[in-house]
Amino acid sequence: MRNLVSVSLLAMLAIASVSGLTGCASPASREAMQAASVTPTNQHPYSVSVRTAGGNETGALDMPSIADADFKAAIEKSIVQSGVFKDVIEGKGSDYELSVTITQITKPLFGFSFTVTMEAAWSLVKASDRSIVMRKAILSSYTANMSDSFAGVTRLRLAVEGAARENIASGLKEISNLNF
């Protein structure tokens, strides 16, 4: 009987330890996905509207993901902070339309360092005549280490946010290099 109690107690401790290390998944934060510092080559004196697709909501038992609304908000804030465009307009009526579709996110299942890779299709269209100004697939990655967080699920979320942040920075840099 005593061995059974000891085994049960050890099993409960092991489950509690694993739960503490993994925890519940939380979605990527729009603030954490914002591009930190994009110094534009050109600041375009036009307005832009942003549309995103390809993201997923994060369920309690899922791996951290990027919701379309959060990705869109991170792109819009990054545009405003960088000054790549004069203004961001919601809906119709902008000079340019930016569409960013997440086509692939690769996430590791376990490890001490989590490297997430992300590919997104960036498309910039002039609203007046529907001409394509830029169409480019942008690949980015980010690694979160044990020093970033001991909890695996948090480390994975940090890597997802970092890959999105790098993708946004690269996409806006590409747009700022354009002359139109």
C-alpha atoms as a PDB file:
ATOM      1  CA  MET A   1       0.000   0.000   0.000  1.00  0.00           C
ATOM      2  CA  ARG A   2       2.821   2.335   0.888  1.00  0.00           C
ATOM      3  CA  ASN A   3       4.473   1.777  -2.543  1.00  0.00           C
ATOM      4  CA  LEU A   4       1.175   2.507  -4.286  1.00  0.00           C
ATOM      5  CA  VAL A   5       0.868   5.843  -2.459  1.00  0.00           C
ATOM      6  CA  SER A   6       4.486   6.711  -3.321  1.00  0.00           C
ATOM      7  CA  VAL A   7       3.979   5.845  -6.985  1.00  0.00           C
ATOM      8  CA  SER A   8       0.737   7.858  -7.127  1.00  0.00           C
ATOM      9  CA  LEU A   9       2.412  10.814  -5.472  1.00  0.00           C
ATOM     10  CA  LEU A  10       5.342  10.662  -7.906  1.00  0.00           C
ATOM     11  CA  ALA A  11       2.959  10.435 -10.863  1.00  0.00           C
ATOM     12  CA  MET A  12       1.035  13.503  -9.669  1.00  0.00           C
ATOM     13  CA  LEU A  13       4.294  15.425  -9.195  1.00  0.00           C
ATOM     14  CA  ALA A  14       5.447  14.472 -12.698  1.00  0.00           C
ATOM     15  CA  ILE A  15       2.145  15.605 -14.235  1.00  0.00           C
ATOM     16  CA  ALA A  16       2.277  18.888 -12.317  1.00  0.00           C
ATOM     17  CA  SER A  17       5.873  19.476 -13.438  1.00  0.00           C
ATOM     18  CA  VAL A  18       5.063  18.819 -17.101  1.00  0.00           C
ATOM     19  CA  SER A  19       1.999  21.078 -16.887  1.00  0.00           C
ATOM     20  CA  GLY A  20       4.132  23.826 -15.378  1.00  0.00           C
ATOM     21  CA  LEU A  21       6.693  23.540 -18.152  1.00  0.00           C
ATOM     22  CA  THR A  22       4.237  23.433 -21.003  1.00  0.00           C
ATOM     23  CA  GLY A  23       1.135  25.326 -19.872  1.00  0.00           C
ATOM     24  CA  CYS A  24      -1.685  26.485 -22.111  1.00  0.00           C
ATOM     25  CA  ALA A  25      -0.964  28.026 -25.471  1.00  0.00           C
ATOM     26  CA  SER A  26      -1.497  31.737 -25.909  1.00  0.00           C
ATOM     27  CA  PRO A  27      -1.812  33.465 -29.280  1.00  0.00           C
ATOM     28  CA  ALA A  28       0.867  35.656 -30.772  1.00  0.00           C
ATOM     29  CA  SER A  29       0.528  39.199 -29.482  1.00  0.00           C
ATOM     30  CA  ARG A  30      -0.025  42.012 -31.983  1.00  0.00           C
ATOM     31  CA  GLU A  31       2.303  44.258 -29.989  1.00  0.00           C
ATOM     32  CA  ALA A  32       5.088  41.655 -29.990  1.00  0.00           C
ATOM     33  CA  MET A  33       4.736  41.150 -33.769  1.00  0.00           C
ATOM     34  CA  GLN A  34       5.240  44.857 -34.591  1.00  0.00           C
ATOM     35  CA  ALA A  35       8.437  45.570 -36.484  1.00  0.00           C
ATOM     36  CA  ALA A  36      10.723  47.319 -34.028  1.00  0.00           C
ATOM     37  CA  SER A  37      12.615  49.689 -36.258  1.00  0.00           C
ATOM     38  CA  VAL A  38      12.213  49.876 -39.988  1.00  0.00           C
ATOM     39  CA  THR A  39      14.116  52.786 -41.461  1.00  0.00           C
ATOM     40  CA  PRO A  40      12.457  53.309 -44.828  1.00  0.00           C
ATOM     41  CA  THR A  41      14.470  54.085 -47.927  1.00  0.00           C
ATOM     42  CA  ASN A  42      11.425  55.922 -49.316  1.00  0.00           C
ATOM     43  CA  GLN A  43       8.433  57.291 -47.436  1.00  0.00           C
ATOM     44  CA  HIS A  44       5.506  57.088 -49.819  1.00  0.00           C
ATOM     45  CA  PRO A  45       3.101  60.065 -49.648  1.00  0.00           C
ATOM     46  CA  TYR A  46       0.072  57.803 -50.194  1.00  0.00           C
ATOM     47  CA  SER A  47      -2.520  55.977 -48.133  1.00  0.00           C
ATOM     48  CA  VAL A  48      -2.715  52.190 -47.858  1.00  0.00           C
ATOM     49  CA  SER A  49      -5.260  49.667 -46.652  1.00  0.00           C
ATOM     50  CA  VAL A  50      -4.167  46.309 -45.267  1.00  0.00           C
ATOM     51  CA  ARG A  51      -5.760  42.887 -45.645  1.00  0.00           C
ATOM     52  CA  THR A  52      -4.403  39.670 -44.126  1.00  0.00           C
ATOM     53  CA  ALA A  53      -5.214  35.991 -44.558  1.00  0.00           C
ATOM     54  CA  GLY A  54      -3.837  32.562 -43.772  1.00  0.00           C
ATOM     55  CA  GLY A  55      -3.668  32.947 -40.003  1.00  0.00           C
ATOM     56  CA  ASN A  56      -5.332  30.765 -37.377  1.00  0.00           C
ATOM     57  CA  GLU A  57      -6.844  31.354 -33.978  1.00  0.00           C
ATOM     58  CA  THR A  58      -5.045  29.663 -31.062  1.00  0.00           C
ATOM     59  CA  GLY A  59      -7.078  27.159 -29.060  1.00  0.00           C
ATOM     60  CA  ALA A  60      -6.219  26.325 -25.438  1.00  0.00           C
ATOM     61  CA  LEU A  61      -4.601  23.026 -26.415  1.00  0.00           C
ATOM     62  CA  ASP A  62      -3.100  24.204 -29.718  1.00  0.00           C
ATOM     63  CA  MET A  63       0.361  25.471 -30.508  1.00  0.00           C
ATOM     64  CA  PRO A  64       0.655  29.281 -30.527  1.00  0.00           C
ATOM     65  CA  SER A  65      -0.621  30.735 -33.807  1.00  0.00           C
ATOM     66  CA  ILE A  66      -1.165  34.091 -35.481  1.00  0.00           C
ATOM     67  CA  ALA A  67      -4.707  35.394 -35.831  1.00  0.00           C
ATOM     68  CA  ASP A  68      -5.401  37.399 -38.998  1.00  0.00           C
ATOM     69  CA  ALA A  69      -6.739  40.382 -37.025  1.00  0.00           C
ATOM     70  CA  ASP A  70      -3.619  40.525 -34.835  1.00  0.00           C
ATOM     71  CA  PHE A  71      -1.277  40.172 -37.807  1.00  0.00           C
ATOM     72  CA  LYS A  72      -3.148  42.963 -39.618  1.00  0.00           C
ATOM     73  CA  ALA A  73      -2.942  45.249 -36.561  1.00  0.00           C
ATOM     74  CA  ALA A  74       0.808  44.563 -36.230  1.00  0.00           C
ATOM     75  CA  ILE A  75       1.388  45.424 -39.905  1.00  0.00           C
ATOM     76  CA  GLU A  76      -0.691  48.608 -39.658  1.00  0.00           C
ATOM     77  CA  LYS A  77       1.122  49.798 -36.515  1.00  0.00           C
ATOM     78  CA  SER A  78       4.472  49.010 -38.138  1.00  0.00           C
ATOM     79  CA  ILE A  79       3.511  51.055 -41.213  1.00  0.00           C
ATOM     80  CA  VAL A  80       2.486  54.007 -39.052  1.00  0.00           C
ATOM     81  CA  GLN A  81       5.638  53.831 -36.893  1.00  0.00           C
ATOM     82  CA  SER A  82       7.980  53.514 -39.875  1.00  0.00           C
ATOM     83  CA  GLY A  83       6.270  56.101 -42.070  1.00  0.00           C
ATOM     84  CA  VAL A  84       6.507  53.840 -45.145  1.00  0.00           C
ATOM     85  CA  PHE A  85       3.069  55.232 -46.122  1.00  0.00           C
ATOM     86  CA  LYS A  86       1.522  58.558 -45.157  1.00  0.00           C
ATOM     87  CA  ASP A  87      -1.651  56.981 -43.778  1.00  0.00           C
ATOM     88  CA  VAL A  88      -3.357  53.642 -43.106  1.00  0.00           C
ATOM     89  CA  ILE A  89      -7.029  53.564 -44.066  1.00  0.00           C
ATOM     90  CA  GLU A  90      -9.545  50.952 -42.970  1.00  0.00           C
ATOM     91  CA  GLY A  91     -11.614  49.549 -45.832  1.00  0.00           C
ATOM     92  CA  LYS A  92     -11.906  51.146 -49.254  1.00  0.00           C
ATOM     93  CA  GLY A  93     -10.688  54.556 -50.386  1.00  0.00           C
ATOM     94  CA  SER A  94      -6.932  54.133 -50.070  1.00  0.00           C
ATOM     95  CA  ASP A  95      -4.382  54.846 -52.792  1.00  0.00           C
ATOM     96  CA  TYR A  96      -2.789  51.384 -52.410  1.00  0.00           C
ATOM     97  CA  GLU A  97      -3.958  48.016 -51.129  1.00  0.00           C
ATOM     98  CA  LEU A  98      -1.550  45.743 -49.293  1.00  0.00           C
ATOM     99  CA  SER A  99      -2.471  42.089 -49.005  1.00  0.00           C
ATOM    100  CA  VAL A 100      -0.357  39.776 -46.843  1.00  0.00           C
ATOM    101  CA  THR A 101      -1.161  36.066 -46.742  1.00  0.00           C
ATOM    102  CA  ILE A 102       0.599  33.674 -44.394  1.00  0.00           C
ATOM    103  CA  THR A 103       1.354  30.687 -46.610  1.00  0.00           C
ATOM    104  CA  GLN A 104       3.403  28.582 -44.211  1.00  0.00           C
ATOM    105  CA  ILE A 105       4.566  28.496 -40.611  1.00  0.00           C
ATOM    106  CA  THR A 106       6.905  25.728 -39.502  1.00  0.00           C
ATOM    107  CA  LYS A 107       7.037  25.138 -35.742  1.00  0.00           C
ATOM    108  CA  PRO A 108       9.132  22.585 -33.849  1.00  0.00           C
ATOM    109  CA  LEU A 109       7.442  20.142 -31.480  1.00  0.00           C
ATOM    110  CA  PHE A 110      10.141  20.113 -28.805  1.00  0.00           C
ATOM    111  CA  GLY A 111      13.669  21.252 -28.058  1.00  0.00           C
ATOM    112  CA  PHE A 112      15.752  23.684 -26.056  1.00  0.00           C
ATOM    113  CA  SER A 113      15.803  26.233 -28.870  1.00  0.00           C
ATOM    114  CA  PHE A 114      12.700  26.765 -30.975  1.00  0.00           C
ATOM    115  CA  THR A 115      13.216  28.095 -34.492  1.00  0.00           C
ATOM    116  CA  VAL A 116      10.031  29.080 -36.298  1.00  0.00           C
ATOM    117  CA  THR A 117      10.074  29.811 -40.023  1.00  0.00           C
ATOM    118  CA  MET A 118       7.320  31.748 -41.719  1.00  0.00           C
ATOM    119  CA  GLU A 119       6.538  32.500 -45.339  1.00  0.00           C
ATOM    120  CA  ALA A 120       4.059  35.172 -46.348  1.00  0.00           C
ATOM    121  CA  ALA A 121       2.955  36.393 -49.767  1.00  0.00           C
ATOM    122  CA  TRP A 122       3.062  40.198 -49.943  1.00  0.00           C
ATOM    123  CA  SER A 123       1.123  41.951 -52.697  1.00  0.00           C
ATOM    124  CA  LEU A 124       0.828  45.714 -53.183  1.00  0.00           C
ATOM    125  CA  VAL A 125      -1.726  46.961 -55.709  1.00  0.00           C
ATOM    126  CA  LYS A 126      -2.470  50.502 -56.888  1.00  0.00           C
ATOM    127  CA  ALA A 127      -6.172  50.931 -56.120  1.00  0.00           C
ATOM    128  CA  SER A 128      -7.042  53.255 -59.040  1.00  0.00           C
ATOM    129  CA  ASP A 129      -6.068  50.946 -61.896  1.00  0.00           C
ATOM    130  CA  ARG A 130      -5.468  47.615 -60.046  1.00  0.00           C
ATOM    131  CA  SER A 131      -1.868  47.477 -61.307  1.00  0.00           C
ATOM    132  CA  ILE A 132       0.482  45.273 -59.313  1.00  0.00           C
ATOM    133  CA  VAL A 133       3.289  47.301 -57.770  1.00  0.00           C
ATOM    134  CA  MET A 134       4.915  44.450 -55.845  1.00  0.00           C
ATOM    135  CA  ARG A 135       4.344  40.748 -55.446  1.00  0.00           C
ATOM    136  CA  LYS A 136       6.856  38.880 -53.337  1.00  0.00           C
ATOM    137  CA  ALA A 137       7.128  35.835 -51.084  1.00  0.00           C
ATOM    138  CA  ILE A 138       8.983  36.758 -47.919  1.00  0.00           C
ATOM    139  CA  LEU A 139      10.631  34.098 -45.766  1.00  0.00           C
ATOM    140  CA  SER A 140      11.637  34.831 -42.190  1.00  0.00           C
ATOM    141  CA  SER A 141      12.702  32.916 -39.115  1.00  0.00           C
ATOM    142  CA  TYR A 142      13.326  33.500 -35.446  1.00  0.00           C
ATOM    143  CA  THR A 143      14.852  31.395 -32.674  1.00  0.00           C
ATOM    144  CA  ALA A 144      13.787  31.548 -29.024  1.00  0.00           C
ATOM    145  CA  ASN A 145      16.133  29.928 -26.512  1.00  0.00           C
ATOM    146  CA  MET A 146      15.876  28.605 -22.960  1.00  0.00           C
ATOM    147  CA  SER A 147      17.212  31.962 -21.789  1.00  0.00           C
ATOM    148  CA  ASP A 148      14.085  33.599 -23.254  1.00  0.00           C
ATOM    149  CA  SER A 149      11.715  31.353 -21.290  1.00  0.00           C
ATOM    150  CA  PHE A 150      11.915  28.065 -19.456  1.00  0.00           C
ATOM    151  CA  ALA A 151       8.328  27.148 -20.424  1.00  0.00           C
ATOM    152  CA  GLY A 152       8.253  25.487 -23.835  1.00  0.00           C
ATOM    153  CA  VAL A 153       4.884  26.914 -24.866  1.00  0.00           C
ATOM    154  CA  THR A 154       6.069  30.451 -24.064  1.00  0.00           C
ATOM    155  CA  ARG A 155       9.325  29.897 -25.949  1.00  0.00           C
ATOM    156  CA  LEU A 156       7.316  28.716 -28.956  1.00  0.00           C
ATOM    157  CA  ARG A 157       5.033  31.789 -28.811  1.00  0.00           C
ATOM    158  CA  LEU A 158       8.093  34.059 -28.650  1.00  0.00           C
ATOM    159  CA  ALA A 159       9.552  32.320 -31.724  1.00  0.00           C
ATOM    160  CA  VAL A 160       6.247  32.688 -33.627  1.00  0.00           C
ATOM    161  CA  GLU A 161       6.053  36.391 -32.724  1.00  0.00           C
ATOM    162  CA  GLY A 162       9.682  36.903 -33.709  1.00  0.00           C
ATOM    163  CA  ALA A 163       9.217  35.219 -37.108  1.00  0.00           C
ATOM    164  CA  ALA A 164       6.171  37.418 -37.776  1.00  0.00           C
ATOM    165  CA  ARG A 165       8.036  40.546 -36.640  1.00  0.00           C
ATOM    166  CA  GLU A 166      10.957  39.738 -38.964  1.00  0.00           C
ATOM    167  CA  ASN A 167       8.533  39.072 -41.834  1.00  0.00           C
ATOM    168  CA  ILE A 168       6.798  42.415 -41.327  1.00  0.00           C
ATOM    169  CA  ALA A 169      10.124  44.261 -41.149  1.00  0.00           C
ATOM    170  CA  SER A 170      11.340  42.591 -44.366  1.00  0.00           C
ATOM    171  CA  GLY A 171       8.060  43.250 -46.189  1.00  0.00           C
ATOM    172  CA  LEU A 172       8.009  46.931 -45.262  1.00  0.00           C
ATOM    173  CA  LYS A 173      11.674  47.291 -46.192  1.00  0.00           C
ATOM    174  CA  GLU A 174      10.871  45.836 -49.640  1.00  0.00           C
ATOM    175  CA  ILE A 175       8.000  48.309 -50.063  1.00  0.00           C
ATOM    176  CA  SER A 176      10.166  51.222 -48.918  1.00  0.00           C
ATOM    177  CA  ASN A 177      12.758  50.336 -51.582  1.00  0.00           C
ATOM    178  CA  LEU A 178      10.163  50.847 -54.337  1.00  0.00           C
ATOM    179  CA  ASN A 179       9.910  54.076 -56.304  1.00  0.00           C
ATOM    180  CA  PHE A 180       6.340  55.004 -57.249  1.00  0.00           C
END
